[in-house]
Amino acid sequence: MSTIKIQSHIVLTAVLCSLMAGCGDEPDQKIPGEKMVDVYADVLIVTSAYEAGEEPVDYFEQLDSVFTEHNVDRDIFFSTLDYYREDPYRWKDLLDRVIAELERRRGQVLEPPDIRSSS
C-alpha cells in the first residue's frame, strides 16, 4: 500500500471516527502511545479492506473485533483519537508512527520465508 493510500485511509478513518464518537462526555482515560499505534493501525487495515470490498462483513462489527482484540473500549479509543487530533504536532507524530508500523507489517508479510537447506 502506498503512503498516499495510507494517508487517505487515515483521513477517512478520522472522519468516520469523529462521526462514530458522537457528542457526549468523553472519558478522561487515554490509550498509551504504542498501544494506540497498534490499535489505530488495525483500524486502518479494517477500513482499507472495507473500502476495497475485500471483506463482505459489517464495518462496525470488524471495528468492534479490533477493539476486543486489543482490549480497548470504543469510547476511550475515540477520545484518545480526539486527544491526538487536538494538537497538530501530536497528531502528526501519531500518524508518522502508525505509517511506520504499517510499513513494518507490510515488510514482514512481503519477506520471503527463511528457508534453510538441510544438507
N, C-alpha and C. Protein backbone atom coordinates (compact mmCIF):
# COMPACT_ATOMS: atom_id res chain seq x y z
N MET A 1 0.86 -1.17 0.00
CA MET A 1 0.00 0.00 0.00
C MET A 1 0.90 1.23 0.00
N SER A 2 0.61 2.14 -0.88
CA SER A 2 1.44 3.33 -0.98
C SER A 2 1.17 4.28 0.19
N THR A 3 2.12 5.17 0.42
CA THR A 3 1.98 6.14 1.51
C THR A 3 0.78 7.04 1.27
N ILE A 4 0.51 7.39 0.01
CA ILE A 4 -0.65 8.23 -0.29
C ILE A 4 -1.94 7.52 0.06
N LYS A 5 -2.02 6.21 -0.28
CA LYS A 5 -3.22 5.45 0.08
C LYS A 5 -3.38 5.37 1.58
N ILE A 6 -2.28 5.14 2.28
CA ILE A 6 -2.33 5.07 3.74
C ILE A 6 -2.84 6.39 4.30
N GLN A 7 -2.31 7.50 3.79
CA GLN A 7 -2.74 8.80 4.29
C GLN A 7 -4.21 9.06 4.00
N SER A 8 -4.69 8.64 2.82
CA SER A 8 -6.11 8.84 2.52
C SER A 8 -6.98 7.98 3.42
N HIS A 9 -6.51 6.78 3.75
CA HIS A 9 -7.26 5.93 4.69
C HIS A 9 -7.27 6.53 6.08
N ILE A 10 -6.18 7.16 6.47
CA ILE A 10 -6.11 7.81 7.77
C ILE A 10 -7.13 8.93 7.86
N VAL A 11 -7.20 9.74 6.81
CA VAL A 11 -8.16 10.85 6.80
C VAL A 11 -9.58 10.32 6.86
N LEU A 12 -9.90 9.31 6.03
CA LEU A 12 -11.24 8.74 6.03
C LEU A 12 -11.58 8.16 7.39
N THR A 13 -10.64 7.44 7.98
CA THR A 13 -10.90 6.84 9.29
C THR A 13 -11.11 7.91 10.34
N ALA A 14 -10.37 8.99 10.27
CA ALA A 14 -10.55 10.08 11.24
C ALA A 14 -11.94 10.66 11.12
N VAL A 15 -12.41 10.83 9.90
CA VAL A 15 -13.77 11.36 9.70
C VAL A 15 -14.80 10.37 10.24
N LEU A 16 -14.64 9.10 9.89
CA LEU A 16 -15.59 8.09 10.39
C LEU A 16 -15.57 8.01 11.92
N CYS A 17 -14.38 8.07 12.48
CA CYS A 17 -14.26 8.00 13.93
C CYS A 17 -14.93 9.20 14.59
N SER A 18 -14.80 10.36 13.98
CA SER A 18 -15.45 11.55 14.53
C SER A 18 -16.96 11.39 14.51
N LEU A 19 -17.47 10.85 13.42
CA LEU A 19 -18.91 10.64 13.33
C LEU A 19 -19.40 9.61 14.34
N MET A 20 -18.60 8.56 14.53
CA MET A 20 -19.00 7.49 15.45
C MET A 20 -18.89 7.92 16.90
N ALA A 21 -17.97 8.81 17.20
CA ALA A 21 -17.75 9.21 18.58
C ALA A 21 -18.92 9.99 19.13
N GLY A 22 -19.59 10.75 18.28
CA GLY A 22 -20.75 11.50 18.74
C GLY A 22 -20.38 12.63 19.66
N CYS A 23 -21.40 13.22 20.25
CA CYS A 23 -21.19 14.33 21.15
C CYS A 23 -21.52 13.88 22.55
N GLY A 24 -20.72 13.63 23.39
CA GLY A 24 -21.07 13.23 24.73
C GLY A 24 -19.90 13.48 25.63
N ASP A 25 -20.06 13.10 26.86
CA ASP A 25 -18.94 13.22 27.78
C ASP A 25 -17.89 12.20 27.38
N GLU A 26 -16.68 12.69 27.21
CA GLU A 26 -15.60 11.81 26.82
C GLU A 26 -14.85 11.36 28.06
N PRO A 27 -14.49 10.07 28.09
CA PRO A 27 -13.71 9.59 29.22
C PRO A 27 -12.35 10.29 29.27
N ASP A 28 -11.81 10.46 30.47
CA ASP A 28 -10.52 11.11 30.63
C ASP A 28 -9.36 10.14 30.36
N GLN A 29 -9.66 8.86 30.28
CA GLN A 29 -8.62 7.88 30.07
C GLN A 29 -8.10 7.97 28.64
N LYS A 30 -6.82 7.68 28.49
CA LYS A 30 -6.19 7.65 27.18
C LYS A 30 -5.49 6.31 27.00
N ILE A 31 -5.45 5.86 25.76
CA ILE A 31 -4.73 4.64 25.43
C ILE A 31 -3.25 5.01 25.34
N PRO A 32 -2.38 4.23 25.98
CA PRO A 32 -0.94 4.52 25.91
C PRO A 32 -0.45 4.55 24.46
N GLY A 33 0.57 5.36 24.19
CA GLY A 33 1.08 5.64 22.85
C GLY A 33 1.29 4.45 21.94
N GLU A 34 2.10 3.48 22.36
CA GLU A 34 2.41 2.34 21.48
C GLU A 34 1.18 1.47 21.23
N LYS A 35 0.35 1.33 22.25
CA LYS A 35 -0.87 0.55 22.06
C LYS A 35 -1.80 1.27 21.09
N MET A 36 -1.86 2.60 21.18
CA MET A 36 -2.69 3.38 20.27
C MET A 36 -2.20 3.19 18.84
N VAL A 37 -0.90 3.15 18.64
CA VAL A 37 -0.34 2.94 17.31
C VAL A 37 -0.82 1.59 16.77
N ASP A 38 -0.74 0.54 17.58
CA ASP A 38 -1.17 -0.79 17.14
C ASP A 38 -2.67 -0.84 16.83
N VAL A 39 -3.47 -0.26 17.72
CA VAL A 39 -4.92 -0.28 17.53
C VAL A 39 -5.29 0.52 16.29
N TYR A 40 -4.73 1.72 16.15
CA TYR A 40 -5.07 2.57 15.00
C TYR A 40 -4.61 1.92 13.70
N ALA A 41 -3.47 1.26 13.71
CA ALA A 41 -3.00 0.55 12.51
C ALA A 41 -4.02 -0.52 12.12
N ASP A 42 -4.52 -1.26 13.10
CA ASP A 42 -5.53 -2.29 12.81
C ASP A 42 -6.83 -1.67 12.32
N VAL A 43 -7.22 -0.54 12.89
CA VAL A 43 -8.43 0.16 12.44
C VAL A 43 -8.26 0.57 10.97
N LEU A 44 -7.09 1.05 10.61
CA LEU A 44 -6.85 1.45 9.23
C LEU A 44 -6.86 0.26 8.28
N ILE A 45 -6.38 -0.87 8.74
CA ILE A 45 -6.41 -2.09 7.91
C ILE A 45 -7.85 -2.51 7.67
N VAL A 46 -8.67 -2.48 8.71
CA VAL A 46 -10.09 -2.81 8.57
C VAL A 46 -10.76 -1.84 7.60
N THR A 47 -10.47 -0.56 7.76
CA THR A 47 -11.06 0.46 6.89
C THR A 47 -10.63 0.24 5.44
N SER A 48 -9.37 -0.05 5.25
CA SER A 48 -8.85 -0.28 3.90
C SER A 48 -9.50 -1.50 3.25
N ALA A 49 -9.62 -2.59 4.00
CA ALA A 49 -10.25 -3.80 3.47
C ALA A 49 -11.71 -3.55 3.14
N TYR A 50 -12.38 -2.80 3.99
CA TYR A 50 -13.79 -2.48 3.76
C TYR A 50 -13.95 -1.64 2.50
N GLU A 51 -13.12 -0.61 2.36
CA GLU A 51 -13.20 0.27 1.18
C GLU A 51 -12.90 -0.49 -0.10
N ALA A 52 -11.98 -1.45 -0.03
CA ALA A 52 -11.60 -2.21 -1.21
C ALA A 52 -12.63 -3.30 -1.53
N GLY A 53 -13.57 -3.52 -0.62
CA GLY A 53 -14.58 -4.56 -0.84
C GLY A 53 -14.04 -5.96 -0.65
N GLU A 54 -12.88 -6.07 0.02
CA GLU A 54 -12.26 -7.38 0.22
C GLU A 54 -13.00 -8.21 1.27
N GLU A 55 -13.63 -7.56 2.20
CA GLU A 55 -14.29 -8.25 3.30
C GLU A 55 -15.79 -7.98 3.23
N PRO A 56 -16.58 -8.99 2.96
CA PRO A 56 -18.04 -8.77 2.89
C PRO A 56 -18.71 -8.81 4.26
N VAL A 57 -18.10 -8.14 5.22
CA VAL A 57 -18.65 -8.14 6.58
C VAL A 57 -18.98 -6.71 6.99
N ASP A 58 -19.68 -6.60 8.08
CA ASP A 58 -20.07 -5.29 8.59
C ASP A 58 -18.84 -4.54 9.13
N TYR A 59 -18.68 -3.31 8.67
CA TYR A 59 -17.53 -2.50 9.06
C TYR A 59 -17.47 -2.29 10.57
N PHE A 60 -18.60 -1.94 11.16
CA PHE A 60 -18.62 -1.65 12.60
C PHE A 60 -18.38 -2.92 13.41
N GLU A 61 -18.82 -4.04 12.90
CA GLU A 61 -18.55 -5.32 13.57
C GLU A 61 -17.05 -5.60 13.55
N GLN A 62 -16.41 -5.33 12.42
CA GLN A 62 -14.96 -5.52 12.32
C GLN A 62 -14.21 -4.58 13.28
N LEU A 63 -14.66 -3.32 13.36
CA LEU A 63 -14.03 -2.40 14.30
C LEU A 63 -14.16 -2.90 15.73
N ASP A 64 -15.35 -3.37 16.07
CA ASP A 64 -15.55 -3.90 17.41
C ASP A 64 -14.61 -5.08 17.68
N SER A 65 -14.36 -5.90 16.68
CA SER A 65 -13.45 -7.03 16.89
C SER A 65 -12.01 -6.54 17.12
N VAL A 66 -11.64 -5.43 16.48
CA VAL A 66 -10.31 -4.85 16.72
C VAL A 66 -10.23 -4.37 18.17
N PHE A 67 -11.26 -3.66 18.62
CA PHE A 67 -11.25 -3.16 19.99
C PHE A 67 -11.23 -4.31 21.00
N THR A 68 -11.97 -5.36 20.72
CA THR A 68 -11.99 -6.53 21.60
C THR A 68 -10.61 -7.19 21.63
N GLU A 69 -10.02 -7.35 20.45
CA GLU A 69 -8.70 -7.99 20.35
C GLU A 69 -7.65 -7.24 21.17
N HIS A 70 -7.74 -5.92 21.18
CA HIS A 70 -6.76 -5.10 21.90
C HIS A 70 -7.22 -4.76 23.32
N ASN A 71 -8.41 -5.25 23.68
CA ASN A 71 -8.97 -4.99 25.00
C ASN A 71 -9.06 -3.48 25.25
N VAL A 72 -9.66 -2.78 24.27
CA VAL A 72 -9.79 -1.33 24.30
C VAL A 72 -11.26 -0.97 24.20
N ASP A 73 -11.69 -0.04 25.02
CA ASP A 73 -13.06 0.45 24.97
C ASP A 73 -13.21 1.39 23.78
N ARG A 74 -14.30 1.23 23.04
CA ARG A 74 -14.55 2.05 21.84
C ARG A 74 -14.51 3.55 22.18
N ASP A 75 -15.21 3.96 23.23
CA ASP A 75 -15.25 5.38 23.59
C ASP A 75 -13.87 5.92 23.97
N ILE A 76 -13.10 5.11 24.65
CA ILE A 76 -11.75 5.54 25.03
C ILE A 76 -10.87 5.66 23.78
N PHE A 77 -11.05 4.75 22.82
CA PHE A 77 -10.29 4.87 21.57
C PHE A 77 -10.59 6.20 20.89
N PHE A 78 -11.88 6.52 20.75
CA PHE A 78 -12.25 7.73 20.05
C PHE A 78 -11.84 8.99 20.82
N SER A 79 -11.92 8.95 22.14
CA SER A 79 -11.47 10.13 22.90
C SER A 79 -9.95 10.27 22.80
N THR A 80 -9.23 9.15 22.74
CA THR A 80 -7.78 9.22 22.56
C THR A 80 -7.46 9.76 21.18
N LEU A 81 -8.20 9.33 20.18
CA LEU A 81 -8.01 9.85 18.83
C LEU A 81 -8.25 11.35 18.79
N ASP A 82 -9.31 11.80 19.46
CA ASP A 82 -9.58 13.24 19.54
C ASP A 82 -8.45 13.98 20.24
N TYR A 83 -7.90 13.37 21.30
CA TYR A 83 -6.78 13.97 22.02
C TYR A 83 -5.61 14.23 21.07
N TYR A 84 -5.29 13.26 20.23
CA TYR A 84 -4.19 13.44 19.27
C TYR A 84 -4.54 14.49 18.23
N ARG A 85 -5.77 14.50 17.78
CA ARG A 85 -6.17 15.42 16.72
C ARG A 85 -6.27 16.87 17.20
N GLU A 86 -6.35 17.09 18.49
CA GLU A 86 -6.43 18.46 19.04
C GLU A 86 -5.15 19.25 18.81
N ASP A 87 -4.03 18.55 18.68
CA ASP A 87 -2.73 19.21 18.54
C ASP A 87 -2.07 18.69 17.26
N PRO A 88 -1.81 19.58 16.30
CA PRO A 88 -1.26 19.13 15.02
C PRO A 88 0.07 18.37 15.15
N TYR A 89 0.90 18.75 16.09
CA TYR A 89 2.18 18.07 16.26
C TYR A 89 1.99 16.67 16.85
N ARG A 90 1.09 16.57 17.80
CA ARG A 90 0.78 15.27 18.40
C ARG A 90 0.15 14.37 17.35
N TRP A 91 -0.76 14.93 16.55
CA TRP A 91 -1.45 14.17 15.50
C TRP A 91 -0.45 13.67 14.46
N LYS A 92 0.46 14.55 14.03
CA LYS A 92 1.46 14.16 13.05
C LYS A 92 2.37 13.07 13.60
N ASP A 93 2.75 13.19 14.86
CA ASP A 93 3.60 12.17 15.48
C ASP A 93 2.89 10.82 15.48
N LEU A 94 1.61 10.81 15.86
CA LEU A 94 0.86 9.55 15.86
C LEU A 94 0.78 8.99 14.44
N LEU A 95 0.44 9.82 13.47
CA LEU A 95 0.32 9.33 12.09
C LEU A 95 1.65 8.81 11.56
N ASP A 96 2.74 9.48 11.87
CA ASP A 96 4.05 9.01 11.44
C ASP A 96 4.35 7.63 12.03
N ARG A 97 4.03 7.46 13.31
CA ARG A 97 4.29 6.16 13.95
C ARG A 97 3.38 5.07 13.41
N VAL A 98 2.13 5.42 13.10
CA VAL A 98 1.20 4.43 12.53
C VAL A 98 1.66 4.03 11.14
N ILE A 99 2.07 5.00 10.33
CA ILE A 99 2.56 4.68 8.98
C ILE A 99 3.80 3.78 9.07
N ALA A 100 4.70 4.08 9.98
CA ALA A 100 5.90 3.25 10.17
C ALA A 100 5.49 1.83 10.58
N GLU A 101 4.50 1.72 11.45
CA GLU A 101 4.03 0.39 11.88
C GLU A 101 3.41 -0.37 10.71
N LEU A 102 2.61 0.29 9.90
CA LEU A 102 2.00 -0.37 8.75
C LEU A 102 3.07 -0.81 7.74
N GLU A 103 4.07 0.03 7.55
CA GLU A 103 5.16 -0.34 6.64
C GLU A 103 5.96 -1.50 7.20
N ARG A 104 6.16 -1.52 8.52
CA ARG A 104 6.87 -2.65 9.15
C ARG A 104 6.09 -3.94 8.93
N ARG A 105 4.78 -3.88 9.14
CA ARG A 105 3.94 -5.07 8.95
C ARG A 105 3.97 -5.53 7.50
N ARG A 106 3.91 -4.57 6.58
CA ARG A 106 3.96 -4.93 5.16
C ARG A 106 5.27 -5.62 4.85
N GLY A 107 6.36 -5.13 5.42
CA GLY A 107 7.66 -5.75 5.20
C GLY A 107 7.70 -7.18 5.72
N GLN A 108 7.05 -7.44 6.84
CA GLN A 108 7.00 -8.79 7.39
C GLN A 108 6.21 -9.72 6.48
N VAL A 109 5.14 -9.20 5.91
CA VAL A 109 4.30 -10.02 5.03
C VAL A 109 5.03 -10.32 3.73
N LEU A 110 5.80 -9.35 3.23
CA LEU A 110 6.47 -9.50 1.94
C LEU A 110 7.80 -10.23 2.03
N GLU A 111 8.34 -10.37 3.23
CA GLU A 111 9.63 -11.06 3.37
C GLU A 111 9.49 -12.52 2.99
N PRO A 112 10.43 -13.03 2.20
CA PRO A 112 10.38 -14.46 1.89
C PRO A 112 10.67 -15.26 3.15
N PRO A 113 10.08 -16.44 3.26
CA PRO A 113 10.35 -17.26 4.45
C PRO A 113 11.82 -17.63 4.52
N ASP A 114 12.30 -17.80 5.73
CA ASP A 114 13.68 -18.18 5.96
C ASP A 114 13.82 -19.67 5.67
N ILE A 115 14.33 -19.97 4.48
CA ILE A 115 14.48 -21.38 4.07
C ILE A 115 15.93 -21.77 4.27
N ARG A 116 16.11 -22.77 5.05
CA ARG A 116 17.46 -23.26 5.31
C ARG A 116 17.59 -24.63 4.68
N SER A 117 18.66 -24.81 3.99
CA SER A 117 18.87 -26.12 3.35
C SER A 117 19.26 -27.14 4.39
N SER A 118 18.78 -28.34 4.20
CA SER A 118 19.12 -29.41 5.14
C SER A 118 20.12 -30.32 4.48
N SER A 119 21.39 -29.90 4.46
CA SER A 119 22.42 -30.70 3.82
C SER A 119 23.23 -31.41 4.86
